[in-house]
Amino acid sequence: MPKMKTKSGAKKRFSLTGSGKIKRKHAFKSHILTKKTKKQKRNLTHDAIVDKTNVKDVKRMLVK
């Protein structure tokens, strides 16, 4: 059976940490930023960890 292909969209959006957790970016930071407060935009800058309820699906997309 051939190898499973990684979903290219997931490859661009997620990365693995050293301990095996999956990092993601926050949404809502790409446009329409004028109406958002500085605090809101600053807090969206930081990376987040994928929630445990979604880890299985994301790992399946990354095929690692």
PDB file of N, CA and C in Angstrom:
ATOM      1  N   MET A   1       0.852  -1.188   0.000  1.00  0.00           N
ATOM      2  CA  MET A   1       0.000   0.000   0.000  1.00  0.00           C
ATOM      3  C   MET A   1       0.892   1.245   0.000  1.00  0.00           C
ATOM      4  N   PRO A   2       0.550   2.260  -0.812  1.00  0.00           N
ATOM      5  CA  PRO A   2       1.402   3.459  -0.864  1.00  0.00           C
ATOM      6  C   PRO A   2       1.318   4.278   0.413  1.00  0.00           C
ATOM      7  N   LYS A   3       2.302   5.139   0.577  1.00  0.00           N
ATOM      8  CA  LYS A   3       2.319   6.012   1.755  1.00  0.00           C
ATOM      9  C   LYS A   3       1.153   6.991   1.691  1.00  0.00           C
ATOM     10  N   MET A   4       0.667   7.386   2.874  1.00  0.00           N
ATOM     11  CA  MET A   4      -0.402   8.393   2.935  1.00  0.00           C
ATOM     12  C   MET A   4       0.201   9.757   2.663  1.00  0.00           C
ATOM     13  N   LYS A   5      -0.495  10.576   1.910  1.00  0.00           N
ATOM     14  CA  LYS A   5      -0.013  11.930   1.652  1.00  0.00           C
ATOM     15  C   LYS A   5      -0.454  12.869   2.766  1.00  0.00           C
ATOM     16  N   THR A   6       0.430  13.797   3.124  1.00  0.00           N
ATOM     17  CA  THR A   6       0.106  14.848   4.081  1.00  0.00           C
ATOM     18  C   THR A   6      -0.818  15.849   3.396  1.00  0.00           C
ATOM     19  N   LYS A   7      -1.841  16.323   4.115  1.00  0.00           N
ATOM     20  CA  LYS A   7      -2.713  17.369   3.571  1.00  0.00           C
ATOM     21  C   LYS A   7      -1.900  18.656   3.517  1.00  0.00           C
ATOM     22  N   SER A   8      -1.785  19.256   2.337  1.00  0.00           N
ATOM     23  CA  SER A   8      -0.887  20.405   2.187  1.00  0.00           C
ATOM     24  C   SER A   8      -1.382  21.618   2.965  1.00  0.00           C
ATOM     25  N   GLY A   9      -2.689  21.747   3.168  1.00  0.00           N
ATOM     26  CA  GLY A   9      -3.217  22.849   3.971  1.00  0.00           C
ATOM     27  C   GLY A   9      -2.821  22.706   5.432  1.00  0.00           C
ATOM     28  N   ALA A  10      -2.864  21.481   5.940  1.00  0.00           N
ATOM     29  CA  ALA A  10      -2.484  21.218   7.330  1.00  0.00           C
ATOM     30  C   ALA A  10      -0.985  21.404   7.518  1.00  0.00           C
ATOM     31  N   LYS A  11      -0.217  21.034   6.517  1.00  0.00           N
ATOM     32  CA  LYS A  11       1.233  21.168   6.561  1.00  0.00           C
ATOM     33  C   LYS A  11       1.634  22.636   6.768  1.00  0.00           C
ATOM     34  N   LYS A  12       0.865  23.542   6.142  1.00  0.00           N
ATOM     35  CA  LYS A  12       1.155  24.978   6.248  1.00  0.00           C
ATOM     36  C   LYS A  12       0.661  25.588   7.558  1.00  0.00           C
ATOM     37  N   ARG A  13      -0.355  24.981   8.175  1.00  0.00           N
ATOM     38  CA  ARG A  13      -1.007  25.598   9.335  1.00  0.00           C
ATOM     39  C   ARG A  13      -0.526  25.087  10.690  1.00  0.00           C
ATOM     40  N   PHE A  14      -0.019  23.861  10.738  1.00  0.00           N
ATOM     41  CA  PHE A  14       0.343  23.255  12.021  1.00  0.00           C
ATOM     42  C   PHE A  14       1.804  22.854  12.043  1.00  0.00           C
ATOM     43  N   SER A  15       2.404  22.860  13.248  1.00  0.00           N
ATOM     44  CA  SER A  15       3.756  22.340  13.414  1.00  0.00           C
ATOM     45  C   SER A  15       3.860  21.630  14.755  1.00  0.00           C
ATOM     46  N   LEU A  16       4.751  20.663  14.822  1.00  0.00           N
ATOM     47  CA  LEU A  16       4.923  19.877  16.040  1.00  0.00           C
ATOM     48  C   LEU A  16       5.952  20.533  16.957  1.00  0.00           C
ATOM     49  N   THR A  17       5.694  20.478  18.257  1.00  0.00           N
ATOM     50  CA  THR A  17       6.665  20.950  19.243  1.00  0.00           C
ATOM     51  C   THR A  17       7.595  19.792  19.588  1.00  0.00           C
ATOM     52  N   GLY A  18       8.611  20.067  20.370  1.00  0.00           N
ATOM     53  CA  GLY A  18       9.557  19.034  20.764  1.00  0.00           C
ATOM     54  C   GLY A  18       8.917  17.941  21.588  1.00  0.00           C
ATOM     55  N   SER A  19       7.908  18.309  22.380  1.00  0.00           N
ATOM     56  CA  SER A  19       7.240  17.319  23.238  1.00  0.00           C
ATOM     57  C   SER A  19       6.111  16.588  22.516  1.00  0.00           C
ATOM     58  N   GLY A  20       5.888  16.904  21.229  1.00  0.00           N
ATOM     59  CA  GLY A  20       4.884  16.177  20.449  1.00  0.00           C
ATOM     60  C   GLY A  20       3.527  16.852  20.377  1.00  0.00           C
ATOM     61  N   LYS A  21       3.383  18.017  21.009  1.00  0.00           N
ATOM     62  CA  LYS A  21       2.117  18.747  20.903  1.00  0.00           C
ATOM     63  C   LYS A  21       2.067  19.441  19.545  1.00  0.00           C
ATOM     64  N   ILE A  22       0.871  19.880  19.163  1.00  0.00           N
ATOM     65  CA  ILE A  22       0.711  20.516  17.857  1.00  0.00           C
ATOM     66  C   ILE A  22       0.423  21.996  18.062  1.00  0.00           C
ATOM     67  N   LYS A  23       1.251  22.844  17.426  1.00  0.00           N
ATOM     68  CA  LYS A  23       1.095  24.291  17.524  1.00  0.00           C
ATOM     69  C   LYS A  23       0.215  24.789  16.394  1.00  0.00           C
ATOM     70  N   ARG A  24      -0.524  25.854  16.678  1.00  0.00           N
ATOM     71  CA  ARG A  24      -1.352  26.489  15.660  1.00  0.00           C
ATOM     72  C   ARG A  24      -1.320  27.995  15.868  1.00  0.00           C
ATOM     73  N   LYS A  25      -1.735  28.732  14.854  1.00  0.00           N
ATOM     74  CA  LYS A  25      -1.863  30.184  14.955  1.00  0.00           C
ATOM     75  C   LYS A  25      -3.305  30.510  15.332  1.00  0.00           C
ATOM     76  N   HIS A  26      -3.510  31.696  15.878  1.00  0.00           N
ATOM     77  CA  HIS A  26      -4.860  32.165  16.164  1.00  0.00           C
ATOM     78  C   HIS A  26      -5.518  32.671  14.889  1.00  0.00           C
ATOM     79  N   ALA A  27      -6.824  32.543  14.819  1.00  0.00           N
ATOM     80  CA  ALA A  27      -7.590  33.078  13.693  1.00  0.00           C
ATOM     81  C   ALA A  27      -7.884  34.559  13.933  1.00  0.00           C
ATOM     82  N   PHE A  28      -8.491  35.205  12.963  1.00  0.00           N
ATOM     83  CA  PHE A  28      -8.958  36.600  13.052  1.00  0.00           C
ATOM     84  C   PHE A  28      -7.828  37.626  13.141  1.00  0.00           C
ATOM     85  N   LYS A  29      -6.666  37.343  12.534  1.00  0.00           N
ATOM     86  CA  LYS A  29      -5.558  38.302  12.586  1.00  0.00           C
ATOM     87  C   LYS A  29      -5.108  38.687  11.176  1.00  0.00           C
ATOM     88  N   SER A  30      -5.923  38.388  10.151  1.00  0.00           N
ATOM     89  CA  SER A  30      -5.457  38.635   8.789  1.00  0.00           C
ATOM     90  C   SER A  30      -5.988  39.927   8.172  1.00  0.00           C
ATOM     91  N   HIS A  31      -7.218  40.305   8.488  1.00  0.00           N
ATOM     92  CA  HIS A  31      -7.766  41.544   7.916  1.00  0.00           C
ATOM     93  C   HIS A  31      -8.870  42.069   8.829  1.00  0.00           C
ATOM     94  N   ILE A  32      -9.398  43.219   8.469  1.00  0.00           N
ATOM     95  CA  ILE A  32     -10.381  43.946   9.304  1.00  0.00           C
ATOM     96  C   ILE A  32      -9.800  44.161  10.707  1.00  0.00           C
ATOM     97  N   LEU A  33      -8.592  44.709  10.746  1.00  0.00           N
ATOM     98  CA  LEU A  33      -7.899  44.886  12.017  1.00  0.00           C
ATOM     99  C   LEU A  33      -8.167  46.255  12.638  1.00  0.00           C
ATOM    100  N   THR A  34      -8.775  47.163  11.884  1.00  0.00           N
ATOM    101  CA  THR A  34      -8.964  48.523  12.401  1.00  0.00           C
ATOM    102  C   THR A  34      -9.949  48.571  13.560  1.00  0.00           C
ATOM    103  N   LYS A  35     -10.933  47.711  13.557  1.00  0.00           N
ATOM    104  CA  LYS A  35     -11.937  47.737  14.627  1.00  0.00           C
ATOM    105  C   LYS A  35     -11.551  46.897  15.841  1.00  0.00           C
ATOM    106  N   LYS A  36     -10.431  46.173  15.743  1.00  0.00           N
ATOM    107  CA  LYS A  36      -9.979  45.361  16.874  1.00  0.00           C
ATOM    108  C   LYS A  36      -9.013  46.174  17.734  1.00  0.00           C
ATOM    109  N   THR A  37      -9.080  45.955  19.034  1.00  0.00           N
ATOM    110  CA  THR A  37      -8.235  46.714  19.951  1.00  0.00           C
ATOM    111  C   THR A  37      -6.787  46.218  19.866  1.00  0.00           C
ATOM    112  N   LYS A  38      -5.868  47.051  20.348  1.00  0.00           N
ATOM    113  CA  LYS A  38      -4.448  46.658  20.377  1.00  0.00           C
ATOM    114  C   LYS A  38      -4.259  45.391  21.186  1.00  0.00           C
ATOM    115  N   LYS A  39      -4.961  45.329  22.314  1.00  0.00           N
ATOM    116  CA  LYS A  39      -4.854  44.170  23.207  1.00  0.00           C
ATOM    117  C   LYS A  39      -5.308  42.897  22.489  1.00  0.00           C
ATOM    118  N   GLN A  40      -6.420  43.006  21.770  1.00  0.00           N
ATOM    119  CA  GLN A  40      -6.956  41.863  21.041  1.00  0.00           C
ATOM    120  C   GLN A  40      -5.955  41.376  19.994  1.00  0.00           C
ATOM    121  N   LYS A  41      -5.397  42.319  19.217  1.00  0.00           N
ATOM    122  CA  LYS A  41      -4.450  41.958  18.163  1.00  0.00           C
ATOM    123  C   LYS A  41      -3.169  41.380  18.756  1.00  0.00           C
ATOM    124  N   ARG A  42      -2.721  41.935  19.857  1.00  0.00           N
ATOM    125  CA  ARG A  42      -1.498  41.451  20.510  1.00  0.00           C
ATOM    126  C   ARG A  42      -1.682  40.015  20.995  1.00  0.00           C
ATOM    127  N   ASN A  43      -2.850  39.738  21.593  1.00  0.00           N
ATOM    128  CA  ASN A  43      -3.107  38.394  22.111  1.00  0.00           C
ATOM    129  C   ASN A  43      -3.283  37.365  20.996  1.00  0.00           C
ATOM    130  N   LEU A  44      -3.699  37.803  19.808  1.00  0.00           N
ATOM    131  CA  LEU A  44      -3.846  36.888  18.677  1.00  0.00           C
ATOM    132  C   LEU A  44      -2.498  36.541  18.042  1.00  0.00           C
ATOM    133  N   THR A  45      -1.449  37.313  18.375  1.00  0.00           N
ATOM    134  CA  THR A  45      -0.129  37.092  17.797  1.00  0.00           C
ATOM    135  C   THR A  45       0.509  35.797  18.297  1.00  0.00           C
ATOM    136  N   HIS A  46       0.267  35.448  19.550  1.00  0.00           N
ATOM    137  CA  HIS A  46       0.919  34.294  20.158  1.00  0.00           C
ATOM    138  C   HIS A  46       0.381  32.985  19.586  1.00  0.00           C
ATOM    139  N   ASP A  47       1.265  31.973  19.555  1.00  0.00           N
ATOM    140  CA  ASP A  47       0.851  30.643  19.118  1.00  0.00           C
ATOM    141  C   ASP A  47       0.014  29.972  20.195  1.00  0.00           C
ATOM    142  N   ALA A  48      -0.753  28.991  19.797  1.00  0.00           N
ATOM    143  CA  ALA A  48      -1.580  28.232  20.736  1.00  0.00           C
ATOM    144  C   ALA A  48      -1.349  26.747  20.471  1.00  0.00           C
ATOM    145  N   ILE A  49      -1.790  25.929  21.399  1.00  0.00           N
ATOM    146  CA  ILE A  49      -1.701  24.475  21.252  1.00  0.00           C
ATOM    147  C   ILE A  49      -3.070  23.958  20.817  1.00  0.00           C
ATOM    148  N   VAL A  50      -3.073  23.018  19.887  1.00  0.00           N
ATOM    149  CA  VAL A  50      -4.330  22.431  19.415  1.00  0.00           C
ATOM    150  C   VAL A  50      -5.000  21.708  20.577  1.00  0.00           C
ATOM    151  N   ASP A  51      -6.303  21.896  20.712  1.00  0.00           N
ATOM    152  CA  ASP A  51      -7.072  21.282  21.789  1.00  0.00           C
ATOM    153  C   ASP A  51      -7.068  19.767  21.652  1.00  0.00           C
ATOM    154  N   LYS A  52      -7.129  19.069  22.798  1.00  0.00           N
ATOM    155  CA  LYS A  52      -7.044  17.600  22.788  1.00  0.00           C
ATOM    156  C   LYS A  52      -8.172  16.945  22.000  1.00  0.00           C
ATOM    157  N   THR A  53      -9.308  17.634  21.852  1.00  0.00           N
ATOM    158  CA  THR A  53     -10.417  17.057  21.085  1.00  0.00           C
ATOM    159  C   THR A  53     -10.126  17.045  19.585  1.00  0.00           C
ATOM    160  N   ASN A  54      -9.181  17.877  19.121  1.00  0.00           N
ATOM    161  CA  ASN A  54      -8.868  17.962  17.693  1.00  0.00           C
ATOM    162  C   ASN A  54      -7.534  17.320  17.315  1.00  0.00           C
ATOM    163  N   VAL A  55      -6.767  16.892  18.309  1.00  0.00           N
ATOM    164  CA  VAL A  55      -5.421  16.381  18.049  1.00  0.00           C
ATOM    165  C   VAL A  55      -5.456  15.183  17.110  1.00  0.00           C
ATOM    166  N   LYS A  56      -6.385  14.266  17.322  1.00  0.00           N
ATOM    167  CA  LYS A  56      -6.467  13.048  16.509  1.00  0.00           C
ATOM    168  C   LYS A  56      -6.673  13.398  15.031  1.00  0.00           C
ATOM    169  N   ASP A  57      -7.582  14.321  14.749  1.00  0.00           N
ATOM    170  CA  ASP A  57      -7.870  14.713  13.372  1.00  0.00           C
ATOM    171  C   ASP A  57      -6.676  15.399  12.725  1.00  0.00           C
ATOM    172  N   VAL A  58      -6.022  16.290  13.482  1.00  0.00           N
ATOM    173  CA  VAL A  58      -4.881  17.018  12.921  1.00  0.00           C
ATOM    174  C   VAL A  58      -3.726  16.069  12.657  1.00  0.00           C
ATOM    175  N   LYS A  59      -3.473  15.132  13.551  1.00  0.00           N
ATOM    176  CA  LYS A  59      -2.393  14.157  13.340  1.00  0.00           C
ATOM    177  C   LYS A  59      -2.683  13.297  12.109  1.00  0.00           C
ATOM    178  N   ARG A  60      -3.941  12.985  11.897  1.00  0.00           N
ATOM    179  CA  ARG A  60      -4.318  12.204  10.710  1.00  0.00           C
ATOM    180  C   ARG A  60      -4.028  13.000   9.438  1.00  0.00           C
ATOM    181  N   MET A  61      -4.282  14.313   9.484  1.00  0.00           N
ATOM    182  CA  MET A  61      -4.006  15.154   8.319  1.00  0.00           C
ATOM    183  C   MET A  61      -2.510  15.304   8.069  1.00  0.00           C
ATOM    184  N   LEU A  62      -1.726  15.344   9.166  1.00  0.00           N
ATOM    185  CA  LEU A  62      -0.271  15.499   9.031  1.00  0.00           C
ATOM    186  C   LEU A  62       0.414  14.171   8.713  1.00  0.00           C
ATOM    187  N   VAL A  63      -0.233  13.052   9.014  1.00  0.00           N
ATOM    188  CA  VAL A  63       0.283  11.702   8.780  1.00  0.00           C
ATOM    189  C   VAL A  63       1.703  11.562   9.307  1.00  0.00           C
ATOM    190  N   LYS A  64       1.854  11.736  10.634  1.00  0.00           N
ATOM    191  CA  LYS A  64       3.170  11.578  11.257  1.00  0.00           C
ATOM    192  C   LYS A  64       3.086  10.601  12.395  1.00  0.00           C
TER     193      LYS A  64
END
